[in-house]
């Protein structure tokens, strides 16, 4: 159960195009299992391929996106024959079961993508422990300027933050004052006014 909840939670890391592709794949999978199919049904995977191409052209070539594109391509290859040679009679139960199995297996790349979505897209591991207080702050501020999802919406001036907090980190570095470092880091993060950042005081560093 927790695995399914984690998969649904991972949807928040997907782009709009990727969400559409996942929904399209699920529709086709359920269609093979439960629907009586007309010829139009077999064009749906082709639409998915076109959406994947558009997403790729728009610049989404991340590992996460490529895994979802792989599922889309597998689905298309499994159904392309029916586009050019539509079935005259309804699908047999046996054929329908086989296609459901094929679609489930083809969905594995997308399941893998969802399981690693947060880590791959927005939470890769960072280790700034080899840097000084000032260097670590500058690296963090630079990274947040490109990855913080609400930066443009909140109109955050990253250069201004660097100029405001950089000297304080420098002061903490020179005086080797971890408390000043923590206070400055806390004030920097709280300045985002983001509900995901706790405003509770801590008594220790």
Protein backbone atom coordinates (compact mmCIF):
# COMPACT_ATOMS: atom_id res chain seq x y z
CA UNK A 1 0.00 0.00 0.00
CA UNK A 2 2.79 2.41 0.91
CA UNK A 3 4.45 1.66 -2.45
CA UNK A 4 1.30 2.78 -4.31
CA UNK A 5 1.05 5.90 -2.15
CA UNK A 6 4.67 6.74 -2.94
CA UNK A 7 3.98 6.31 -6.67
CA UNK A 8 1.03 8.69 -6.52
CA UNK A 9 3.11 11.15 -4.49
CA UNK A 10 5.80 11.01 -7.19
CA UNK A 11 3.35 12.45 -9.74
CA UNK A 12 4.03 15.93 -8.34
CA UNK A 13 7.55 15.75 -9.80
CA UNK A 14 6.32 15.12 -13.36
CA UNK A 15 5.90 17.75 -16.04
CA UNK A 16 2.50 18.24 -17.64
CA UNK A 17 3.58 16.29 -20.72
CA UNK A 18 4.78 13.37 -18.61
CA UNK A 19 1.52 13.27 -16.67
CA UNK A 20 -0.44 13.13 -19.93
CA UNK A 21 1.72 10.26 -21.19
CA UNK A 22 1.21 8.31 -17.96
CA UNK A 23 -2.56 8.89 -18.12
CA UNK A 24 -2.61 7.84 -21.78
CA UNK A 25 -0.72 4.64 -20.99
CA UNK A 26 -3.11 3.82 -18.15
CA UNK A 27 -6.09 4.44 -20.45
CA UNK A 28 -4.76 2.02 -23.06
CA UNK A 29 -3.90 -0.57 -20.43
CA UNK A 30 -7.41 -0.44 -18.97
CA UNK A 31 -8.84 -0.36 -22.47
CA UNK A 32 -7.27 -3.68 -23.36
CA UNK A 33 -8.61 -5.16 -20.16
CA UNK A 34 -12.18 -3.89 -20.22
CA UNK A 35 -13.20 -2.04 -23.41
CA UNK A 36 -14.50 -3.18 -26.76
CA UNK A 37 -12.12 -1.41 -29.10
CA UNK A 38 -12.83 0.50 -32.29
CA UNK A 39 -10.07 1.32 -34.72
CA UNK A 40 -9.53 4.79 -33.20
CA UNK A 41 -8.32 3.11 -30.02
CA UNK A 42 -5.13 1.95 -31.76
CA UNK A 43 -4.21 5.50 -32.77
CA UNK A 44 -3.98 6.57 -29.10
CA UNK A 45 -0.42 5.20 -28.62
CA UNK A 46 0.62 7.10 -31.76
CA UNK A 47 -0.66 10.29 -30.16
CA UNK A 48 1.49 9.41 -27.15
CA UNK A 49 4.57 9.15 -29.36
CA UNK A 50 3.85 12.59 -30.83
CA UNK A 51 3.48 14.06 -27.33
CA UNK A 52 6.76 12.44 -26.30
CA UNK A 53 8.47 13.98 -29.34
CA UNK A 54 7.05 17.41 -28.49
CA UNK A 55 8.23 17.06 -24.89
CA UNK A 56 11.69 16.05 -26.11
CA UNK A 57 11.86 19.00 -28.53
CA UNK A 58 10.89 21.33 -25.69
CA UNK A 59 14.02 20.17 -23.89
CA UNK A 60 12.92 17.48 -21.45
CA UNK A 61 15.60 14.83 -22.01
CA UNK A 62 16.08 13.90 -18.35
CA UNK A 63 16.47 10.29 -17.25
CA UNK A 64 12.97 10.49 -15.81
CA UNK A 65 11.47 11.62 -19.12
CA UNK A 66 13.43 9.08 -21.17
CA UNK A 67 12.06 6.23 -19.06
CA UNK A 68 8.50 7.43 -19.68
CA UNK A 69 9.25 7.85 -23.40
CA UNK A 70 10.46 4.23 -23.42
CA UNK A 71 7.10 3.01 -22.11
CA UNK A 72 5.35 5.14 -24.73
CA UNK A 73 7.48 3.63 -27.51
CA UNK A 74 6.85 0.07 -26.29
CA UNK A 75 3.11 0.70 -26.22
CA UNK A 76 3.20 2.11 -29.75
CA UNK A 77 5.17 -0.85 -31.12
CA UNK A 78 2.70 -3.27 -29.53
CA UNK A 79 -0.29 -1.64 -31.22
CA UNK A 80 1.00 -0.30 -34.55
CA UNK A 81 0.02 -3.48 -36.41
CA UNK A 82 -3.65 -2.85 -35.62
CA UNK A 83 -3.48 0.59 -37.23
CA UNK A 84 -2.60 -0.83 -40.64
CA UNK A 85 -4.46 -4.12 -40.25
CA UNK A 86 -7.54 -3.58 -38.11
CA UNK A 87 -9.20 -6.66 -36.66
CA UNK A 88 -12.35 -7.73 -38.43
CA UNK A 89 -13.70 -9.69 -35.48
CA UNK A 90 -13.63 -8.76 -31.77
CA UNK A 91 -10.49 -9.50 -29.81
CA UNK A 92 -10.42 -12.90 -28.14
CA UNK A 93 -10.13 -13.10 -24.38
CA UNK A 94 -6.76 -14.79 -24.77
CA UNK A 95 -5.36 -12.04 -27.02
CA UNK A 96 -6.72 -9.37 -24.71
CA UNK A 97 -5.03 -11.02 -21.71
CA UNK A 98 -1.72 -11.23 -23.60
CA UNK A 99 -1.87 -7.53 -24.49
CA UNK A 100 -2.63 -6.59 -20.89
CA UNK A 101 0.48 -8.49 -19.81
CA UNK A 102 2.57 -6.83 -22.54
CA UNK A 103 1.30 -3.40 -21.53
CA UNK A 104 2.04 -4.05 -17.86
CA UNK A 105 5.59 -5.11 -18.71
CA UNK A 106 5.96 -2.11 -20.99
CA UNK A 107 4.88 0.14 -18.13
CA UNK A 108 7.85 -0.98 -16.01
CA UNK A 109 10.14 1.87 -17.23
CA UNK A 110 7.49 4.36 -16.12
CA UNK A 111 7.12 2.64 -12.75
CA UNK A 112 10.88 2.92 -12.34
CA UNK A 113 10.69 6.59 -13.31
CA UNK A 114 8.00 7.26 -10.70
CA UNK A 115 9.95 5.42 -8.01
CA UNK A 116 12.99 7.67 -8.49
CA UNK A 117 11.23 10.84 -9.67
CA UNK A 118 11.92 13.07 -6.69
CA UNK A 119 15.56 12.09 -6.36
CA UNK A 120 16.33 12.33 -10.08
CA UNK A 121 14.51 15.54 -10.87
CA UNK A 122 14.69 17.82 -7.88
CA UNK A 123 16.50 16.11 -5.02
CA UNK A 124 19.82 14.79 -6.24
CA UNK A 125 22.35 14.23 -3.45
CA UNK A 126 24.53 17.21 -2.68
CA UNK A 127 27.70 17.09 -0.65
CA UNK A 128 29.15 20.52 0.06
CA UNK A 129 31.08 19.36 3.12
CA UNK A 130 34.44 19.92 1.41
CA UNK A 131 33.66 23.63 0.92
CA UNK A 132 33.99 26.53 3.27
CA UNK A 133 30.91 28.25 4.73
CA UNK A 134 31.05 30.92 2.05
CA UNK A 135 31.71 28.56 -0.86
CA UNK A 136 28.92 26.22 0.26
CA UNK A 137 26.45 29.11 0.49
CA UNK A 138 27.37 30.43 -2.95
CA UNK A 139 26.99 26.93 -4.46
CA UNK A 140 23.64 26.42 -2.71
CA UNK A 141 22.30 29.82 -3.76
CA UNK A 142 23.35 29.20 -7.36
CA UNK A 143 21.67 25.81 -7.42
CA UNK A 144 18.45 27.05 -5.84
CA UNK A 145 18.32 29.85 -8.41
CA UNK A 146 17.84 27.22 -11.12
CA UNK A 147 15.95 24.50 -9.24
CA UNK A 148 13.68 26.21 -6.71
CA UNK A 149 10.26 25.79 -8.39
CA UNK A 150 8.72 29.01 -7.01
CA UNK A 151 11.65 31.29 -7.74
CA UNK A 152 10.12 33.04 -10.75
CA UNK A 153 6.65 33.17 -9.21
CA UNK A 154 7.99 34.79 -6.03
CA UNK A 155 10.33 37.00 -8.07
CA UNK A 156 13.28 36.06 -5.89
CA UNK A 157 16.38 38.17 -6.52
CA UNK A 158 19.13 35.59 -6.09
CA UNK A 159 21.93 38.11 -6.57
CA UNK A 160 20.47 40.26 -3.80
CA UNK A 161 20.34 37.27 -1.47
CA UNK A 162 23.96 36.47 -2.27
CA UNK A 163 24.98 40.04 -1.51
CA UNK A 164 22.95 40.15 1.72
CA UNK A 165 23.86 36.81 3.27
CA UNK A 166 27.27 36.17 1.71
CA UNK A 167 29.14 38.57 4.04
CA UNK A 168 27.46 36.98 7.07
CA UNK A 169 28.58 33.52 6.00
CA UNK A 170 32.04 34.98 5.41
CA UNK A 171 32.03 36.43 8.93
CA UNK A 172 31.00 33.05 10.40
CA UNK A 173 33.77 31.39 8.40
CA UNK A 174 36.47 33.80 9.59
CA UNK A 175 35.41 33.57 13.23
CA UNK A 176 34.70 29.84 12.98
CA UNK A 177 31.30 30.48 14.56
CA UNK A 178 28.87 27.60 13.83
CA UNK A 179 26.05 29.35 15.67
CA UNK A 180 26.33 32.40 13.44
CA UNK A 181 26.49 30.05 10.43
CA UNK A 182 23.31 28.28 11.49
CA UNK A 183 21.46 31.54 12.24
CA UNK A 184 22.44 32.99 8.87
CA UNK A 185 21.44 29.82 7.04
CA UNK A 186 18.12 29.77 8.90
CA UNK A 187 17.41 33.43 8.12
CA UNK A 188 18.30 32.84 4.47
CA UNK A 189 15.87 29.93 4.16
CA UNK A 190 13.10 31.68 6.10
CA UNK A 191 13.38 34.64 3.72
CA UNK A 192 11.80 32.44 1.02
CA UNK A 193 8.54 32.48 2.99
CA UNK A 194 7.93 28.88 1.97
CA UNK A 195 5.51 26.80 4.04
CA UNK A 196 7.72 23.74 3.59
CA UNK A 197 10.42 25.38 5.72
CA UNK A 198 9.69 25.11 9.43
CA UNK A 199 9.88 28.32 11.45
CA UNK A 200 10.45 26.54 14.75
CA UNK A 201 13.46 27.57 16.79
CA UNK A 202 16.15 25.05 17.56
CA UNK A 203 18.14 25.13 20.75
CA UNK A 204 21.28 23.53 19.41
CA UNK A 205 23.38 23.67 16.28
